Every structure is written in C-alpha cells, then in structure tokens.
Amino acid sequence: MGTHTLFLFFLFFFLVTGSTFASGGAARTDTVAAGAYIIAVQFSQDPPYVDAPLTLTIVPRQSQQISSGTLIAQPGAGTDATPLHVALAPVGDNLQGTLHLPVRGAWRIQIQLDGVQGSGAAHVDVVVGAPGAMPSWLAWLIGSAPLVLVSIWLVSQHRYRRQLVEQGGPTAIINDGPHALMQ
C-alpha cells in the first residue's frame, strides 16, 4: 500500500468519524401535555452540555394556536445554580427558545404556554453533562498515531528490502532459509 493511499485512507477515516449533533432534525423529542395543549418538545442536543446552546422547539401536536411562552430552567437536587428564564419566540407555527445551562447536573425545564385555549404548563427533565476533556478529533489523532507510525515503519522496511534485492544483497539467505548459512 503506497503512502498516498494510506494518507487518503486516514483522511477519509477522520472525516467520517466525529461528534454528532442534530443538524436536520431533533436529537430528542418528548411529547407532553401543557394544560389543554399537547406539544412535542424537540431538543437540539441529547445530552446537552454545559454552556453549549440548547435550543428547544415547541411543536403543537394538534392545530392549536399558541401565541407565546416561557422556558424556566430550574436546577434539580444537587445542582448548585439559579433558575434561568427564557422567552419563546415564534418560528412559523412553532415556538423556539435557546438555553445556556451553566452547571452540569439535573435540570427541570418548565414550559409555560399561553394561547387561544388559555395557559398551560409542562416540564421535561434533562441531565446536563460536562464537555469532553479534549475534542474528539484530537483524541482520534492521538489514539491512531501508533498505527500511522507502524504503517510508515512497515512501508520503509518494504522499500529497504526491495532495495537490497535490487542490489543483489543477501537474497540467498531469504530464499533458501536458515540452511543457506550452513553450506
């Protein structure tokens, strides 16, 4: 295997692997009842990470008119933080809000909605994790470095052996085995 082929293989490997975040759809969806409203709560990340933007999209399950709402993130037991309040903004027929949860641990997100059928409230629980100690691409780079070094060493040994054969070096030992030395 040539060095160019080996390089292309590792380049493809690093491009394919990596972290996955929801880009087109939701990473997690919970269906809850908020008073008279049945809603789907879509999370942009699952699990959410500390200080990373967590976007919640509120999607009405029935053709109900929800005019406004608020997200209140309350820290759970053992989570040392203060409650956060975020207003929901209309995005088409949905409502959307972004939270930045500052502390890892358990959180209860309360959703308060106002609309044609009155007001309602629901909650969803999340556990916020700490971000990784290093980016995943760096971890893969460090972890696969020995494989790359061994591959380079094998290619150099192959080239060295081919050079010895072309110069008419000790091919008799290689071709005849250990008995060639005894004759």
Protein backbone atom coordinates (compact mmCIF):
# COMPACT_ATOMS: atom_id res chain seq x y z
CA MET A 1 0.00 0.00 0.00
CA GLY A 2 1.52 3.30 -1.05
CA THR A 3 1.89 6.24 1.29
CA HIS A 4 -0.62 8.24 -0.76
CA THR A 5 -3.25 5.52 -0.41
CA LEU A 6 -2.54 5.27 3.31
CA PHE A 7 -2.86 9.03 3.68
CA LEU A 8 -6.19 9.06 1.82
CA PHE A 9 -7.47 6.21 3.98
CA PHE A 10 -6.72 8.08 7.21
CA LEU A 11 -8.09 11.34 5.83
CA PHE A 12 -11.36 9.60 4.97
CA PHE A 13 -11.40 7.92 8.41
CA PHE A 14 -11.03 11.26 10.24
CA LEU A 15 -13.65 12.98 8.09
CA VAL A 16 -16.25 10.26 8.61
CA THR A 17 -15.88 9.94 12.38
CA GLY A 18 -16.60 12.72 14.84
CA SER A 19 -19.23 14.16 17.11
CA THR A 20 -22.82 14.02 16.11
CA PHE A 21 -25.24 16.78 16.78
CA ALA A 22 -28.71 17.07 15.34
CA SER A 23 -28.38 19.11 12.19
CA GLY A 24 -31.56 18.39 10.28
CA GLY A 25 -33.85 17.02 12.97
CA ALA A 26 -34.15 16.88 16.70
CA ALA A 27 -31.75 14.87 18.83
CA ARG A 28 -34.55 14.10 21.28
CA THR A 29 -38.31 14.66 21.25
CA ASP A 30 -40.63 14.45 24.28
CA THR A 31 -44.41 14.70 23.99
CA VAL A 32 -46.08 16.35 26.99
CA ALA A 33 -49.39 17.95 27.90
CA ALA A 34 -49.27 21.62 28.91
CA GLY A 35 -52.78 22.31 30.13
CA ALA A 36 -55.06 21.93 27.10
CA TYR A 37 -52.08 21.81 24.70
CA ILE A 38 -50.38 18.62 23.61
CA ILE A 39 -46.90 19.57 22.47
CA ALA A 40 -43.71 17.96 21.27
CA VAL A 41 -40.56 19.37 22.85
CA GLN A 42 -37.61 18.95 20.49
CA PHE A 43 -34.06 19.19 21.85
CA SER A 44 -31.15 20.21 19.62
CA GLN A 45 -28.72 18.07 21.68
CA ASP A 46 -29.08 14.95 23.77
CA PRO A 47 -27.43 15.08 26.22
CA PRO A 48 -26.93 18.83 26.46
CA TYR A 49 -23.52 20.12 27.56
CA VAL A 50 -22.52 22.91 29.92
CA ASP A 51 -22.67 26.38 28.29
CA ALA A 52 -23.46 24.90 24.88
CA PRO A 53 -26.61 26.39 23.33
CA LEU A 54 -29.56 24.07 23.88
CA THR A 55 -32.38 25.00 21.52
CA LEU A 56 -35.85 23.78 22.43
CA THR A 57 -38.56 23.85 19.78
CA ILE A 58 -42.18 23.59 20.93
CA VAL A 59 -44.33 21.94 18.25
CA PRO A 60 -48.12 21.77 18.81
CA ARG A 61 -49.41 18.25 18.06
CA GLN A 62 -52.87 19.46 17.13
CA SER A 63 -53.77 22.55 15.17
CA GLN A 64 -53.78 24.69 18.31
CA GLN A 65 -52.84 28.35 18.34
CA ILE A 66 -50.11 29.01 20.91
CA SER A 67 -49.29 32.70 20.99
CA SER A 68 -46.40 32.92 23.49
CA GLY A 69 -44.47 31.04 26.09
CA THR A 70 -41.60 30.97 28.53
CA LEU A 71 -38.94 28.41 29.43
CA ILE A 72 -37.84 28.24 33.06
CA ALA A 73 -34.83 26.03 33.73
CA GLN A 74 -34.80 25.03 37.39
CA PRO A 75 -31.80 23.21 38.85
CA GLY A 76 -32.56 19.79 40.28
CA ALA A 77 -31.43 18.29 43.56
CA GLY A 78 -27.67 18.56 43.97
CA THR A 79 -27.24 21.10 41.17
CA ASP A 80 -25.93 24.39 42.54
CA ALA A 81 -27.36 27.03 40.21
CA THR A 82 -30.10 29.65 39.92
CA PRO A 83 -33.22 29.33 37.74
CA LEU A 84 -33.00 30.67 34.18
CA HIS A 85 -35.87 32.36 32.31
CA VAL A 86 -36.03 32.49 28.51
CA ALA A 87 -38.90 33.81 26.37
CA LEU A 88 -40.05 31.63 23.49
CA ALA A 89 -40.03 33.25 20.04
CA PRO A 90 -42.43 32.24 17.27
CA VAL A 91 -40.86 30.36 14.37
CA GLY A 92 -43.60 29.53 11.88
CA ASP A 93 -46.30 27.60 13.75
CA ASN A 94 -43.79 26.62 16.46
CA LEU A 95 -42.12 28.36 19.38
CA GLN A 96 -38.39 28.26 19.96
CA GLY A 97 -36.02 29.23 22.78
CA THR A 98 -32.33 28.74 23.48
CA LEU A 99 -30.93 27.94 26.93
CA HIS A 100 -27.33 28.10 28.11
CA LEU A 101 -27.23 25.85 31.17
CA PRO A 102 -24.16 26.89 33.21
CA VAL A 103 -23.81 23.92 35.57
CA ARG A 104 -23.75 20.19 34.95
CA GLY A 105 -26.33 18.07 36.71
CA ALA A 106 -30.07 17.53 36.76
CA TRP A 107 -32.36 20.29 35.46
CA ARG A 108 -36.13 20.55 35.17
CA ILE A 109 -37.26 22.71 32.26
CA GLN A 110 -40.71 24.13 32.83
CA ILE A 111 -42.63 25.22 29.75
CA GLN A 112 -45.33 27.84 30.27
CA LEU A 113 -47.61 28.49 27.30
CA ASP A 114 -50.37 30.99 26.53
CA GLY A 115 -52.80 30.66 23.66
CA VAL A 116 -56.38 30.50 22.49
CA GLN A 117 -57.29 27.73 24.96
CA GLY A 118 -55.78 29.53 27.95
CA SER A 119 -52.49 28.95 29.67
CA GLY A 120 -50.78 25.69 30.48
CA ALA A 121 -47.55 24.37 31.91
CA ALA A 122 -45.48 21.23 31.48
CA HIS A 123 -41.98 20.15 32.35
CA VAL A 124 -39.22 17.95 30.97
CA ASP A 125 -36.17 16.72 32.81
CA VAL A 126 -32.65 16.80 31.39
CA VAL A 127 -29.23 15.91 32.70
CA VAL A 128 -26.54 18.32 31.56
CA GLY A 129 -23.12 16.81 31.04
CA ALA A 130 -19.68 18.34 31.19
CA PRO A 131 -17.93 18.82 27.88
CA GLY A 132 -15.22 16.36 26.98
CA ALA A 133 -11.70 16.94 28.23
CA MET A 134 -10.49 17.24 24.64
CA PRO A 135 -12.11 17.43 21.24
CA SER A 136 -12.90 14.05 19.73
CA TRP A 137 -10.80 14.75 16.62
CA LEU A 138 -7.74 15.26 18.85
CA ALA A 139 -8.45 12.06 20.76
CA TRP A 140 -8.68 10.12 17.49
CA LEU A 141 -5.45 11.71 16.27
CA ILE A 142 -3.56 10.75 19.43
CA GLY A 143 -5.11 7.28 19.55
CA SER A 144 -4.31 6.40 15.96
CA ALA A 145 -0.77 7.86 15.95
CA PRO A 146 0.86 4.48 16.77
CA LEU A 147 -0.98 2.86 13.85
CA VAL A 148 0.30 5.54 11.50
CA LEU A 149 3.86 5.18 12.81
CA VAL A 150 3.80 1.38 12.47
CA SER A 151 2.43 1.73 8.93
CA ILE A 152 5.24 4.13 7.99
CA TRP A 153 7.79 1.74 9.50
CA LEU A 154 6.37 -1.21 7.52
CA VAL A 155 6.47 0.77 4.26
CA SER A 156 10.10 1.79 4.91
CA GLN A 157 11.04 -1.85 5.68
CA HIS A 158 9.41 -2.97 2.44
CA ARG A 159 11.34 -0.34 0.47
CA TYR A 160 14.60 -1.30 2.23
CA ARG A 161 14.12 -5.00 1.40
CA ARG A 162 13.29 -4.19 -2.24
CA GLN A 163 16.46 -2.07 -2.43
CA LEU A 164 18.56 -4.98 -1.06
CA VAL A 165 17.06 -7.39 -3.58
CA GLU A 166 17.78 -4.98 -6.48
CA GLN A 167 21.42 -4.62 -5.37
CA GLY A 168 21.86 -8.40 -5.25
CA GLY A 169 22.19 -8.46 -1.47
CA PRO A 170 21.59 -11.38 0.85
CA THR A 171 18.74 -12.89 -1.17
CA ALA A 172 20.14 -16.41 -0.83
CA ILE A 173 19.51 -16.28 2.90
CA ILE A 174 15.97 -15.08 2.35
CA ASN A 175 15.21 -17.58 -0.44
CA ASP A 176 16.90 -20.70 0.97
CA GLY A 177 16.11 -20.24 4.64
CA PRO A 178 18.46 -20.83 7.60
CA HIS A 179 20.24 -23.81 5.93
CA ALA A 180 21.86 -21.49 3.39
CA LEU A 181 24.29 -20.26 6.06
CA MET A 182 25.49 -23.77 6.90
CA GLN A 183 26.56 -24.73 3.37
